[in-house]
Amino acid sequence: MPPNSTRPTSRDVAQAAGVSQAAVSLVLGDKWRGRVSEPTAERVREAARDLGYRPNLAARNLRLGSTRTVLLVVPALTTEFFAGVYTGAARVAADHGFGVVLYPSPEGVGPARDPFASAQAALDGVLASSMAADALTAIRGDQLPLVMLDSDPAGSLGAATVNLDIADGVRQVADHLLALGHRHFLHLAADIPSWTFAARAHALTARLATTPDTTLRTAAAPISIEGALTAAETALRTPGPRPTALVCDDDKLAAGAYKAARRLGLRIPDDLSVTGLDDLALATALDPELTTVRLDSELFGEAGMTALLAVLEGRTPAPGDIPVHLVVRGSTAPPGAP
């Protein structure tokens, strides 16, 4: 007997559960609420598990005109933050019977080749980071239901935008450093033309402008430890009053700043306070441990996918940015602390 002849069918599941095939379809299609009781739904799921039944998704999708697949476009796969975004997004997608295709934009930003012969035919929707926004046109993602992450709500390509409250995170950093007595600041800024980094610079400038006698210098750097080392060392060697606080756009930039400070014979936090943003594992590997803003990347991915599912169902996603909070560790102290 050919192996395929013993493959269980929905009729087998219906007989085992004592229900109709229509009820099986409702339960396994996650459309049973209000139409099938919870005990009956569980009986169907148990029968399907016991029989090893798997619905023919390809046939169902052809009938429904849906692939139940979404694309997550991120700048890179090598960053801890975007790994968390994927984990959270995939968790919510799986709970609703969707799969997630992860697609990194080459070189972090810029255009990308279409990974499908026809994205419109292969996908139901797209979730994309603003840093990978340029890739959307190339993959025709802007012609599908789209939710943007970390993107300017006023200029977003998407039907909805989901953001972390980055500006408030930067304000928390500035408030902390000002309360310690710092007045001379260096901003080690990511040299990526993205809304999220522009928002950080604007929030820092605006907050410091409200406190008299503060100074702010800016040095741009690629998001790499070596790039940050070079930029921070150059900036700290620049003539004039030396900054006592270094605000970094990213924890990797902060790690480079640590190396620059040590190369110049500066002690952290005695001579120079340093802050980051992300709260990556790297933050507690540094010595002293890094004061930084914790961004819950998995929660961010969950919120993004929840918003995309709402758009696909014709609903308006819940408004509001995701809160972030400052984690104070050993890399900050009053200026000139012993």
C-alpha atoms as a PDB file:
ATOM      1  CA  MET A   1       0.000   0.000   0.000  1.00  0.00           C
ATOM      2  CA  PRO A   2       1.443   3.407  -0.885  1.00  0.00           C
ATOM      3  CA  PRO A   3       2.371   5.491   2.167  1.00  0.00           C
ATOM      4  CA  ASN A   4       0.060   8.348   1.152  1.00  0.00           C
ATOM      5  CA  SER A   5      -3.004   6.115   1.269  1.00  0.00           C
ATOM      6  CA  THR A   6      -2.985   6.162   5.078  1.00  0.00           C
ATOM      7  CA  ARG A   7      -2.811   9.961   5.403  1.00  0.00           C
ATOM      8  CA  PRO A   8      -5.656  11.071   7.706  1.00  0.00           C
ATOM      9  CA  THR A   9      -8.330  13.336   6.300  1.00  0.00           C
ATOM     10  CA  SER A  10     -10.653  15.910   7.828  1.00  0.00           C
ATOM     11  CA  ARG A  11     -13.383  13.272   7.621  1.00  0.00           C
ATOM     12  CA  ASP A  12     -11.288  11.001   9.866  1.00  0.00           C
ATOM     13  CA  VAL A  13     -10.886  13.847  12.366  1.00  0.00           C
ATOM     14  CA  ALA A  14     -14.620  14.577  12.261  1.00  0.00           C
ATOM     15  CA  GLN A  15     -15.471  10.903  12.928  1.00  0.00           C
ATOM     16  CA  ALA A  16     -12.945  10.667  15.778  1.00  0.00           C
ATOM     17  CA  ALA A  17     -14.246  13.849  17.415  1.00  0.00           C
ATOM     18  CA  GLY A  18     -17.909  13.091  16.751  1.00  0.00           C
ATOM     19  CA  VAL A  19     -18.501  16.313  14.827  1.00  0.00           C
ATOM     20  CA  SER A  20     -19.145  17.436  11.262  1.00  0.00           C
ATOM     21  CA  GLN A  21     -16.370  18.190   8.755  1.00  0.00           C
ATOM     22  CA  ALA A  22     -17.577  21.794   8.774  1.00  0.00           C
ATOM     23  CA  ALA A  23     -16.832  21.979  12.495  1.00  0.00           C
ATOM     24  CA  VAL A  24     -13.348  20.581  11.872  1.00  0.00           C
ATOM     25  CA  SER A  25     -12.712  23.258   9.261  1.00  0.00           C
ATOM     26  CA  LEU A  26     -13.888  26.005  11.615  1.00  0.00           C
ATOM     27  CA  VAL A  27     -11.716  24.805  14.494  1.00  0.00           C
ATOM     28  CA  LEU A  28      -8.548  24.142  12.510  1.00  0.00           C
ATOM     29  CA  GLY A  29      -9.046  27.397  10.588  1.00  0.00           C
ATOM     30  CA  ASP A  30      -9.306  29.240  13.925  1.00  0.00           C
ATOM     31  CA  LYS A  31     -12.781  30.546  13.068  1.00  0.00           C
ATOM     32  CA  TRP A  32     -14.735  28.525  15.628  1.00  0.00           C
ATOM     33  CA  ARG A  33     -15.355  31.153  18.324  1.00  0.00           C
ATOM     34  CA  GLY A  34     -19.048  31.856  18.683  1.00  0.00           C
ATOM     35  CA  ARG A  35     -19.888  28.949  16.389  1.00  0.00           C
ATOM     36  CA  VAL A  36     -18.387  25.903  18.162  1.00  0.00           C
ATOM     37  CA  SER A  37     -18.107  25.386  21.927  1.00  0.00           C
ATOM     38  CA  GLU A  38     -14.701  25.379  23.611  1.00  0.00           C
ATOM     39  CA  PRO A  39     -14.989  21.682  24.692  1.00  0.00           C
ATOM     40  CA  THR A  40     -15.886  20.695  21.122  1.00  0.00           C
ATOM     41  CA  ALA A  41     -12.997  22.734  19.709  1.00  0.00           C
ATOM     42  CA  GLU A  42     -10.585  21.054  22.097  1.00  0.00           C
ATOM     43  CA  ARG A  43     -11.977  17.631  21.143  1.00  0.00           C
ATOM     44  CA  VAL A  44     -11.319  18.415  17.461  1.00  0.00           C
ATOM     45  CA  ARG A  45      -7.774  19.619  18.181  1.00  0.00           C
ATOM     46  CA  GLU A  46      -7.070  16.517  20.255  1.00  0.00           C
ATOM     47  CA  ALA A  47      -8.389  14.213  17.517  1.00  0.00           C
ATOM     48  CA  ALA A  48      -6.246  16.012  14.914  1.00  0.00           C
ATOM     49  CA  ARG A  49      -3.162  15.616  17.123  1.00  0.00           C
ATOM     50  CA  ASP A  50      -3.837  11.955  17.821  1.00  0.00           C
ATOM     51  CA  LEU A  51      -4.341  11.191  14.127  1.00  0.00           C
ATOM     52  CA  GLY A  52      -1.420  13.338  12.997  1.00  0.00           C
ATOM     53  CA  TYR A  53      -3.743  15.291  10.714  1.00  0.00           C
ATOM     54  CA  ARG A  54      -2.332  18.298   8.866  1.00  0.00           C
ATOM     55  CA  PRO A  55      -4.700  20.449   6.783  1.00  0.00           C
ATOM     56  CA  ASN A  56      -3.841  20.995   3.145  1.00  0.00           C
ATOM     57  CA  LEU A  57      -2.832  24.639   3.545  1.00  0.00           C
ATOM     58  CA  ALA A  58      -1.988  25.103  -0.112  1.00  0.00           C
ATOM     59  CA  ALA A  59      -5.480  24.091  -1.209  1.00  0.00           C
ATOM     60  CA  ARG A  60      -7.114  26.159   1.524  1.00  0.00           C
ATOM     61  CA  ASN A  61      -5.059  29.213   0.638  1.00  0.00           C
ATOM     62  CA  LEU A  62      -6.005  28.932  -3.012  1.00  0.00           C
ATOM     63  CA  ARG A  63      -9.665  28.927  -1.985  1.00  0.00           C
ATOM     64  CA  LEU A  64      -9.263  31.868   0.376  1.00  0.00           C
ATOM     65  CA  GLY A  65      -6.899  33.914  -1.803  1.00  0.00           C
ATOM     66  CA  SER A  66      -4.489  34.138   1.130  1.00  0.00           C
ATOM     67  CA  THR A  67      -1.064  32.660   1.843  1.00  0.00           C
ATOM     68  CA  ARG A  68      -1.134  33.425   5.597  1.00  0.00           C
ATOM     69  CA  THR A  69       2.476  34.548   5.194  1.00  0.00           C
ATOM     70  CA  VAL A  70       3.965  37.927   6.016  1.00  0.00           C
ATOM     71  CA  LEU A  71       7.382  39.392   5.284  1.00  0.00           C
ATOM     72  CA  LEU A  72       9.532  40.983   7.990  1.00  0.00           C
ATOM     73  CA  VAL A  73      12.115  43.327   6.444  1.00  0.00           C
ATOM     74  CA  VAL A  74      14.986  44.298   8.766  1.00  0.00           C
ATOM     75  CA  PRO A  75      18.357  45.981   8.214  1.00  0.00           C
ATOM     76  CA  ALA A  76      20.421  42.977   9.298  1.00  0.00           C
ATOM     77  CA  LEU A  77      20.205  39.532  10.876  1.00  0.00           C
ATOM     78  CA  THR A  78      23.382  39.924  12.908  1.00  0.00           C
ATOM     79  CA  THR A  79      22.019  42.325  15.521  1.00  0.00           C
ATOM     80  CA  GLU A  80      20.596  41.129  18.817  1.00  0.00           C
ATOM     81  CA  PHE A  81      17.837  43.743  18.635  1.00  0.00           C
ATOM     82  CA  PHE A  82      16.342  42.601  15.318  1.00  0.00           C
ATOM     83  CA  ALA A  83      16.625  38.967  16.376  1.00  0.00           C
ATOM     84  CA  GLY A  84      14.304  39.910  19.244  1.00  0.00           C
ATOM     85  CA  VAL A  85      11.942  41.738  16.892  1.00  0.00           C
ATOM     86  CA  TYR A  86      11.670  38.589  14.767  1.00  0.00           C
ATOM     87  CA  THR A  87      11.091  36.370  17.820  1.00  0.00           C
ATOM     88  CA  GLY A  88       8.232  38.531  19.057  1.00  0.00           C
ATOM     89  CA  ALA A  89       6.664  38.956  15.619  1.00  0.00           C
ATOM     90  CA  ALA A  90       6.859  35.234  14.830  1.00  0.00           C
ATOM     91  CA  ARG A  91       5.287  34.339  18.185  1.00  0.00           C
ATOM     92  CA  VAL A  92       2.189  36.463  17.535  1.00  0.00           C
ATOM     93  CA  ALA A  93       2.002  35.341  13.896  1.00  0.00           C
ATOM     94  CA  ALA A  94       2.104  31.654  14.885  1.00  0.00           C
ATOM     95  CA  ASP A  95      -0.684  32.201  17.419  1.00  0.00           C
ATOM     96  CA  HIS A  96      -2.859  33.361  14.513  1.00  0.00           C
ATOM     97  CA  GLY A  97      -1.823  30.701  12.008  1.00  0.00           C
ATOM     98  CA  PHE A  98       0.586  32.906  10.052  1.00  0.00           C
ATOM     99  CA  GLY A  99       4.158  32.247   9.010  1.00  0.00           C
ATOM    100  CA  VAL A 100       6.905  34.885   8.875  1.00  0.00           C
ATOM    101  CA  VAL A 101       9.539  35.162   6.158  1.00  0.00           C
ATOM    102  CA  LEU A 102      12.546  37.113   7.446  1.00  0.00           C
ATOM    103  CA  TYR A 103      14.294  39.252   4.849  1.00  0.00           C
ATOM    104  CA  PRO A 104      17.387  41.335   5.567  1.00  0.00           C
ATOM    105  CA  SER A 105      18.057  44.422   3.468  1.00  0.00           C
ATOM    106  CA  PRO A 106      21.598  44.103   2.048  1.00  0.00           C
ATOM    107  CA  GLU A 107      24.259  46.315   3.640  1.00  0.00           C
ATOM    108  CA  GLY A 108      21.809  47.261   6.362  1.00  0.00           C
ATOM    109  CA  VAL A 109      20.000  49.887   4.287  1.00  0.00           C
ATOM    110  CA  GLY A 110      19.162  50.447   0.657  1.00  0.00           C
ATOM    111  CA  PRO A 111      17.450  48.517  -2.124  1.00  0.00           C
ATOM    112  CA  ALA A 112      17.081  44.777  -2.166  1.00  0.00           C
ATOM    113  CA  ARG A 113      16.187  42.197  -4.778  1.00  0.00           C
ATOM    114  CA  ASP A 114      12.672  40.782  -4.737  1.00  0.00           C
ATOM    115  CA  PRO A 115      12.936  37.396  -2.950  1.00  0.00           C
ATOM    116  CA  PHE A 116       9.806  36.206  -4.755  1.00  0.00           C
ATOM    117  CA  ALA A 117       8.745  35.977  -8.369  1.00  0.00           C
ATOM    118  CA  SER A 118       5.761  38.047  -7.295  1.00  0.00           C
ATOM    119  CA  ALA A 119       5.638  39.390  -3.779  1.00  0.00           C
ATOM    120  CA  GLN A 120       1.963  40.261  -4.142  1.00  0.00           C
ATOM    121  CA  ALA A 121       1.108  36.648  -4.955  1.00  0.00           C
ATOM    122  CA  ALA A 122       3.346  35.151  -2.275  1.00  0.00           C
ATOM    123  CA  LEU A 123       2.563  37.401   0.708  1.00  0.00           C
ATOM    124  CA  ASP A 124      -0.369  38.781   2.638  1.00  0.00           C
ATOM    125  CA  GLY A 125       1.464  41.724   4.202  1.00  0.00           C
ATOM    126  CA  VAL A 126       4.771  43.296   5.180  1.00  0.00           C
ATOM    127  CA  LEU A 127       6.295  44.476   8.464  1.00  0.00           C
ATOM    128  CA  ALA A 128       9.348  46.672   7.876  1.00  0.00           C
ATOM    129  CA  SER A 129      11.904  48.650   9.860  1.00  0.00           C
ATOM    130  CA  SER A 130      12.390  52.226   8.711  1.00  0.00           C
ATOM    131  CA  MET A 131      16.114  51.511   8.249  1.00  0.00           C
ATOM    132  CA  ALA A 132      15.150  49.024   5.553  1.00  0.00           C
ATOM    133  CA  ALA A 133      12.445  51.205   4.009  1.00  0.00           C
ATOM    134  CA  ASP A 134      14.315  51.682   0.729  1.00  0.00           C
ATOM    135  CA  ALA A 135      14.070  47.958   0.123  1.00  0.00           C
ATOM    136  CA  LEU A 136      10.276  48.098   0.012  1.00  0.00           C
ATOM    137  CA  THR A 137      10.010  49.547  -3.475  1.00  0.00           C
ATOM    138  CA  ALA A 138      12.321  46.914  -4.926  1.00  0.00           C
ATOM    139  CA  ILE A 139      10.342  44.061  -3.405  1.00  0.00           C
ATOM    140  CA  ARG A 140       7.036  45.841  -4.126  1.00  0.00           C
ATOM    141  CA  GLY A 141       6.214  45.640  -0.433  1.00  0.00           C
ATOM    142  CA  ASP A 142       4.750  49.122  -0.552  1.00  0.00           C
ATOM    143  CA  GLN A 143       1.931  47.700  -2.678  1.00  0.00           C
ATOM    144  CA  LEU A 144       0.877  45.265   0.054  1.00  0.00           C
ATOM    145  CA  PRO A 145      -0.716  45.851   3.479  1.00  0.00           C
ATOM    146  CA  LEU A 146       2.220  47.397   5.326  1.00  0.00           C
ATOM    147  CA  VAL A 147       3.109  48.297   8.904  1.00  0.00           C
ATOM    148  CA  MET A 148       6.266  50.309   9.548  1.00  0.00           C
ATOM    149  CA  LEU A 149       8.472  49.952  12.624  1.00  0.00           C
ATOM    150  CA  ASP A 150      10.619  52.770  13.997  1.00  0.00           C
ATOM    151  CA  SER A 151       9.304  55.187  11.407  1.00  0.00           C
ATOM    152  CA  ASP A 152       8.056  58.759  11.235  1.00  0.00           C
ATOM    153  CA  PRO A 153       4.261  58.506  11.637  1.00  0.00           C
ATOM    154  CA  ALA A 154       3.805  61.671   9.580  1.00  0.00           C
ATOM    155  CA  GLY A 155       5.656  60.298   6.562  1.00  0.00           C
ATOM    156  CA  SER A 156       5.136  56.557   6.900  1.00  0.00           C
ATOM    157  CA  LEU A 157       4.502  54.432   3.825  1.00  0.00           C
ATOM    158  CA  GLY A 158       2.430  52.031   5.861  1.00  0.00           C
ATOM    159  CA  ALA A 159      -1.180  51.714   6.910  1.00  0.00           C
ATOM    160  CA  ALA A 160       0.106  51.949  10.488  1.00  0.00           C
ATOM    161  CA  THR A 161       3.308  52.760  12.345  1.00  0.00           C
ATOM    162  CA  VAL A 162       4.576  51.140  15.544  1.00  0.00           C
ATOM    163  CA  ASN A 163       7.291  52.920  17.504  1.00  0.00           C
ATOM    164  CA  LEU A 164       9.245  52.583  20.694  1.00  0.00           C
ATOM    165  CA  ASP A 165       9.217  55.848  22.651  1.00  0.00           C
ATOM    166  CA  ILE A 166      12.807  56.580  21.689  1.00  0.00           C
ATOM    167  CA  ALA A 167      12.520  60.318  22.307  1.00  0.00           C
ATOM    168  CA  ASP A 168      11.430  59.710  25.890  1.00  0.00           C
ATOM    169  CA  GLY A 169      14.336  57.293  26.355  1.00  0.00           C
ATOM    170  CA  VAL A 170      16.793  59.983  25.293  1.00  0.00           C
ATOM    171  CA  ARG A 171      15.085  62.471  27.600  1.00  0.00           C
ATOM    172  CA  GLN A 172      15.503  60.006  30.464  1.00  0.00           C
ATOM    173  CA  VAL A 173      19.229  59.803  29.686  1.00  0.00           C
ATOM    174  CA  ALA A 174      19.571  63.595  29.584  1.00  0.00           C
ATOM    175  CA  ASP A 175      17.595  64.046  32.803  1.00  0.00           C
ATOM    176  CA  HIS A 176      19.817  61.510  34.565  1.00  0.00           C
ATOM    177  CA  LEU A 177      23.053  63.155  33.431  1.00  0.00           C
ATOM    178  CA  LEU A 178      21.816  66.679  34.172  1.00  0.00           C
ATOM    179  CA  ALA A 179      20.766  65.598  37.667  1.00  0.00           C
ATOM    180  CA  LEU A 180      24.299  64.304  38.238  1.00  0.00           C
ATOM    181  CA  GLY A 181      25.610  67.760  37.375  1.00  0.00           C
ATOM    182  CA  HIS A 182      26.817  67.296  33.796  1.00  0.00           C
ATOM    183  CA  ARG A 183      26.687  70.323  31.518  1.00  0.00           C
ATOM    184  CA  HIS A 184      29.144  69.478  28.722  1.00  0.00           C
ATOM    185  CA  PHE A 185      27.932  66.718  26.419  1.00  0.00           C
ATOM    186  CA  LEU A 186      29.192  64.783  23.406  1.00  0.00           C
ATOM    187  CA  HIS A 187      26.626  62.955  21.286  1.00  0.00           C
ATOM    188  CA  LEU A 188      28.117  59.927  19.517  1.00  0.00           C
ATOM    189  CA  ALA A 189      25.504  59.663  16.779  1.00  0.00           C
ATOM    190  CA  ALA A 190      24.876  56.794  14.379  1.00  0.00           C
ATOM    191  CA  ASP A 191      25.693  57.930  10.837  1.00  0.00           C
ATOM    192  CA  ILE A 192      22.601  56.219   9.372  1.00  0.00           C
ATOM    193  CA  PRO A 193      20.031  58.461   7.636  1.00  0.00           C
ATOM    194  CA  SER A 194      17.036  57.121   9.521  1.00  0.00           C
ATOM    195  CA  TRP A 195      14.094  58.677  11.347  1.00  0.00           C
ATOM    196  CA  THR A 196      14.888  56.868  14.574  1.00  0.00           C
ATOM    197  CA  PHE A 197      18.384  58.367  14.823  1.00  0.00           C
ATOM    198  CA  ALA A 198      17.161  61.819  13.807  1.00  0.00           C
ATOM    199  CA  ALA A 199      14.562  61.562  16.578  1.00  0.00           C
ATOM    200  CA  ARG A 200      17.297  60.786  19.121  1.00  0.00           C
ATOM    201  CA  ALA A 201      19.369  63.795  18.090  1.00  0.00           C
ATOM    202  CA  HIS A 202      16.344  66.091  18.177  1.00  0.00           C
ATOM    203  CA  ALA A 203      15.235  64.880  21.629  1.00  0.00           C
ATOM    204  CA  LEU A 204      18.713  65.363  23.107  1.00  0.00           C
ATOM    205  CA  THR A 205      19.138  68.839  21.629  1.00  0.00           C
ATOM    206  CA  ALA A 206      15.674  69.918  22.768  1.00  0.00           C
ATOM    207  CA  ARG A 207      16.138  68.656  26.322  1.00  0.00           C
ATOM    208  CA  LEU A 208      19.567  70.246  26.821  1.00  0.00           C
ATOM    209  CA  ALA A 209      18.292  73.532  25.391  1.00  0.00           C
ATOM    210  CA  THR A 210      16.017  73.884  28.422  1.00  0.00           C
ATOM    211  CA  THR A 211      18.977  73.878  30.858  1.00  0.00           C
ATOM    212  CA  PRO A 212      21.264  76.925  31.025  1.00  0.00           C
ATOM    213  CA  ASP A 213      25.021  76.695  30.480  1.00  0.00           C
ATOM    214  CA  THR A 214      24.978  73.349  28.673  1.00  0.00           C
ATOM    215  CA  THR A 215      27.098  72.574  25.623  1.00  0.00           C
ATOM    216  CA  LEU A 216      26.545  69.829  23.069  1.00  0.00           C
ATOM    217  CA  ARG A 217      28.917  68.561  20.404  1.00  0.00           C
ATOM    218  CA  THR A 218      28.093  65.806  17.936  1.00  0.00           C
ATOM    219  CA  ALA A 219      30.328  63.187  16.318  1.00  0.00           C
ATOM    220  CA  ALA A 220      28.928  60.769  13.740  1.00  0.00           C
ATOM    221  CA  ALA A 221      30.058  57.148  13.647  1.00  0.00           C
ATOM    222  CA  PRO A 222      29.090  53.894  11.946  1.00  0.00           C
ATOM    223  CA  ILE A 223      27.437  51.429  14.315  1.00  0.00           C
ATOM    224  CA  SER A 224      30.559  49.386  14.983  1.00  0.00           C
ATOM    225  CA  ILE A 225      32.960  49.303  17.881  1.00  0.00           C
ATOM    226  CA  GLU A 226      35.957  50.278  15.757  1.00  0.00           C
ATOM    227  CA  GLY A 227      34.070  53.069  14.023  1.00  0.00           C
ATOM    228  CA  ALA A 228      32.917  54.433  17.365  1.00  0.00           C
ATOM    229  CA  LEU A 229      36.453  54.198  18.770  1.00  0.00           C
ATOM    230  CA  THR A 230      37.821  56.346  15.945  1.00  0.00           C
ATOM    231  CA  ALA A 231      35.016  58.921  16.091  1.00  0.00           C
ATOM    232  CA  ALA A 232      35.023  59.223  19.871  1.00  0.00           C
ATOM    233  CA  GLU A 233      38.812  59.476  20.113  1.00  0.00           C
ATOM    234  CA  THR A 234      38.880  62.238  17.480  1.00  0.00           C
ATOM    235  CA  ALA A 235      36.076  64.143  19.192  1.00  0.00           C
ATOM    236  CA  LEU A 236      37.627  63.860  22.653  1.00  0.00           C
ATOM    237  CA  ARG A 237      40.968  65.129  21.307  1.00  0.00           C
ATOM    238  CA  THR A 238      39.310  68.211  19.781  1.00  0.00           C
ATOM    239  CA  PRO A 239      40.505  71.448  21.464  1.00  0.00           C
ATOM    240  CA  GLY A 240      38.134  73.182  23.841  1.00  0.00           C
ATOM    241  CA  PRO A 241      36.267  72.195  27.005  1.00  0.00           C
ATOM    242  CA  ARG A 242      36.256  68.415  27.230  1.00  0.00           C
ATOM    243  CA  PRO A 243      32.784  66.820  27.516  1.00  0.00           C
ATOM    244  CA  THR A 244      32.091  65.109  30.827  1.00  0.00           C
ATOM    245  CA  ALA A 245      29.214  63.020  29.449  1.00  0.00           C
ATOM    246  CA  LEU A 246      29.103  60.978  26.254  1.00  0.00           C
ATOM    247  CA  VAL A 247      25.610  60.043  25.006  1.00  0.00           C
ATOM    248  CA  CYS A 248      25.701  57.158  22.511  1.00  0.00           C
ATOM    249  CA  ASP A 249      22.929  56.190  20.076  1.00  0.00           C
ATOM    250  CA  ASP A 250      23.635  52.495  20.571  1.00  0.00           C
ATOM    251  CA  ASP A 251      25.392  50.162  23.005  1.00  0.00           C
ATOM    252  CA  LYS A 252      27.953  49.200  20.348  1.00  0.00           C
ATOM    253  CA  LEU A 253      28.885  52.857  20.001  1.00  0.00           C
ATOM    254  CA  ALA A 254      29.295  53.019  23.770  1.00  0.00           C
ATOM    255  CA  ALA A 255      31.684  50.053  23.675  1.00  0.00           C
ATOM    256  CA  GLY A 256      33.826  51.922  21.156  1.00  0.00           C
ATOM    257  CA  ALA A 257      33.680  55.009  23.373  1.00  0.00           C
ATOM    258  CA  TYR A 258      35.026  52.939  26.295  1.00  0.00           C
ATOM    259  CA  LYS A 259      38.028  51.970  24.192  1.00  0.00           C
ATOM    260  CA  ALA A 260      38.603  55.564  23.130  1.00  0.00           C
ATOM    261  CA  ALA A 261      38.450  56.793  26.715  1.00  0.00           C
ATOM    262  CA  ARG A 262      40.967  54.221  27.904  1.00  0.00           C
ATOM    263  CA  ARG A 263      43.293  54.997  24.996  1.00  0.00           C
ATOM    264  CA  LEU A 264      43.231  58.642  26.128  1.00  0.00           C
ATOM    265  CA  GLY A 265      43.791  57.764  29.774  1.00  0.00           C
ATOM    266  CA  LEU A 266      40.255  58.750  30.835  1.00  0.00           C
ATOM    267  CA  ARG A 267      38.487  56.764  33.557  1.00  0.00           C
ATOM    268  CA  ILE A 268      34.808  55.826  33.287  1.00  0.00           C
ATOM    269  CA  PRO A 269      32.852  57.219  35.091  1.00  0.00           C
ATOM    270  CA  ASP A 270      35.391  59.330  37.060  1.00  0.00           C
ATOM    271  CA  ASP A 271      36.493  61.446  34.088  1.00  0.00           C
ATOM    272  CA  LEU A 272      33.763  60.629  31.586  1.00  0.00           C
ATOM    273  CA  SER A 273      30.229  59.289  31.998  1.00  0.00           C
ATOM    274  CA  VAL A 274      28.998  57.131  29.104  1.00  0.00           C
ATOM    275  CA  THR A 275      25.455  56.064  28.223  1.00  0.00           C
ATOM    276  CA  GLY A 276      24.090  53.719  25.565  1.00  0.00           C
ATOM    277  CA  LEU A 277      20.741  52.793  24.092  1.00  0.00           C
ATOM    278  CA  ASP A 278      19.331  49.266  23.571  1.00  0.00           C
ATOM    279  CA  ASP A 279      20.443  47.341  26.684  1.00  0.00           C
ATOM    280  CA  LEU A 280      22.039  44.563  24.682  1.00  0.00           C
ATOM    281  CA  ALA A 281      23.899  41.730  26.446  1.00  0.00           C
ATOM    282  CA  LEU A 282      27.010  43.785  25.708  1.00  0.00           C
ATOM    283  CA  ALA A 283      25.884  46.400  28.262  1.00  0.00           C
ATOM    284  CA  THR A 284      26.618  44.166  31.240  1.00  0.00           C
ATOM    285  CA  ALA A 285      29.789  42.721  29.676  1.00  0.00           C
ATOM    286  CA  LEU A 286      31.442  46.140  29.741  1.00  0.00           C
ATOM    287  CA  ASP A 287      33.392  47.272  32.805  1.00  0.00           C
ATOM    288  CA  PRO A 288      31.929  49.289  34.396  1.00  0.00           C
ATOM    289  CA  GLU A 289      28.502  48.064  33.341  1.00  0.00           C
ATOM    290  CA  LEU A 290      26.738  50.459  30.991  1.00  0.00           C
ATOM    291  CA  THR A 291      23.943  52.859  31.888  1.00  0.00           C
ATOM    292  CA  THR A 292      21.570  52.503  28.952  1.00  0.00           C
ATOM    293  CA  VAL A 293      17.946  52.607  27.798  1.00  0.00           C
ATOM    294  CA  ARG A 294      16.244  49.239  27.687  1.00  0.00           C
ATOM    295  CA  LEU A 295      14.294  48.588  24.490  1.00  0.00           C
ATOM    296  CA  ASP A 296      12.088  45.486  24.633  1.00  0.00           C
ATOM    297  CA  SER A 297      12.686  44.207  21.106  1.00  0.00           C
ATOM    298  CA  GLU A 298      10.430  41.153  21.469  1.00  0.00           C
ATOM    299  CA  LEU A 299       7.548  43.307  22.692  1.00  0.00           C
ATOM    300  CA  PHE A 300       8.266  45.623  19.756  1.00  0.00           C
ATOM    301  CA  GLY A 301       7.982  42.705  17.314  1.00  0.00           C
ATOM    302  CA  GLU A 302       4.796  41.494  18.994  1.00  0.00           C
ATOM    303  CA  ALA A 303       3.211  44.939  18.762  1.00  0.00           C
ATOM    304  CA  GLY A 304       4.223  45.284  15.112  1.00  0.00           C
ATOM    305  CA  MET A 305       2.742  41.933  14.142  1.00  0.00           C
ATOM    306  CA  THR A 306      -0.425  42.616  16.154  1.00  0.00           C
ATOM    307  CA  ALA A 307      -0.836  45.882  14.228  1.00  0.00           C
ATOM    308  CA  LEU A 308      -0.298  44.143  10.874  1.00  0.00           C
ATOM    309  CA  LEU A 309      -2.870  41.467  11.694  1.00  0.00           C
ATOM    310  CA  ALA A 310      -5.326  44.238  12.586  1.00  0.00           C
ATOM    311  CA  VAL A 311      -4.689  45.923   9.224  1.00  0.00           C
ATOM    312  CA  LEU A 312      -5.210  42.609   7.408  1.00  0.00           C
ATOM    313  CA  GLU A 313      -8.553  42.232   9.199  1.00  0.00           C
ATOM    314  CA  GLY A 314      -9.625  45.778   8.351  1.00  0.00           C
ATOM    315  CA  ARG A 315      -9.301  47.045  11.926  1.00  0.00           C
ATOM    316  CA  THR A 316      -7.449  50.120  13.197  1.00  0.00           C
ATOM    317  CA  PRO A 317      -4.392  49.143  15.290  1.00  0.00           C
ATOM    318  CA  ALA A 318      -4.187  50.417  18.851  1.00  0.00           C
ATOM    319  CA  PRO A 319      -2.354  53.775  19.024  1.00  0.00           C
ATOM    320  CA  GLY A 320       0.517  54.730  21.333  1.00  0.00           C
ATOM    321  CA  ASP A 321       4.263  54.226  21.498  1.00  0.00           C
ATOM    322  CA  ILE A 322       5.864  51.416  23.492  1.00  0.00           C
ATOM    323  CA  PRO A 323       7.426  52.730  26.740  1.00  0.00           C
ATOM    324  CA  VAL A 324      11.164  52.385  27.327  1.00  0.00           C
ATOM    325  CA  HIS A 325      13.140  52.951  30.508  1.00  0.00           C
ATOM    326  CA  LEU A 326      16.592  53.910  31.677  1.00  0.00           C
ATOM    327  CA  VAL A 327      18.738  51.299  33.425  1.00  0.00           C
ATOM    328  CA  VAL A 328      21.318  53.034  35.610  1.00  0.00           C
ATOM    329  CA  ARG A 329      24.582  51.147  36.095  1.00  0.00           C
ATOM    330  CA  GLY A 330      28.177  51.991  36.844  1.00  0.00           C
ATOM    331  CA  SER A 331      29.157  54.035  33.779  1.00  0.00           C
ATOM    332  CA  THR A 332      27.625  57.302  35.006  1.00  0.00           C
ATOM    333  CA  ALA A 333      28.557  59.501  37.972  1.00  0.00           C
ATOM    334  CA  PRO A 334      28.825  63.211  38.806  1.00  0.00           C
ATOM    335  CA  PRO A 335      31.512  64.999  36.767  1.00  0.00           C
ATOM    336  CA  GLY A 336      34.927  64.759  38.384  1.00  0.00           C
ATOM    337  CA  ALA A 337      33.701  62.056  40.798  1.00  0.00           C
ATOM    338  CA  PRO A 338      36.552  60.574  42.837  1.00  0.00           C
END
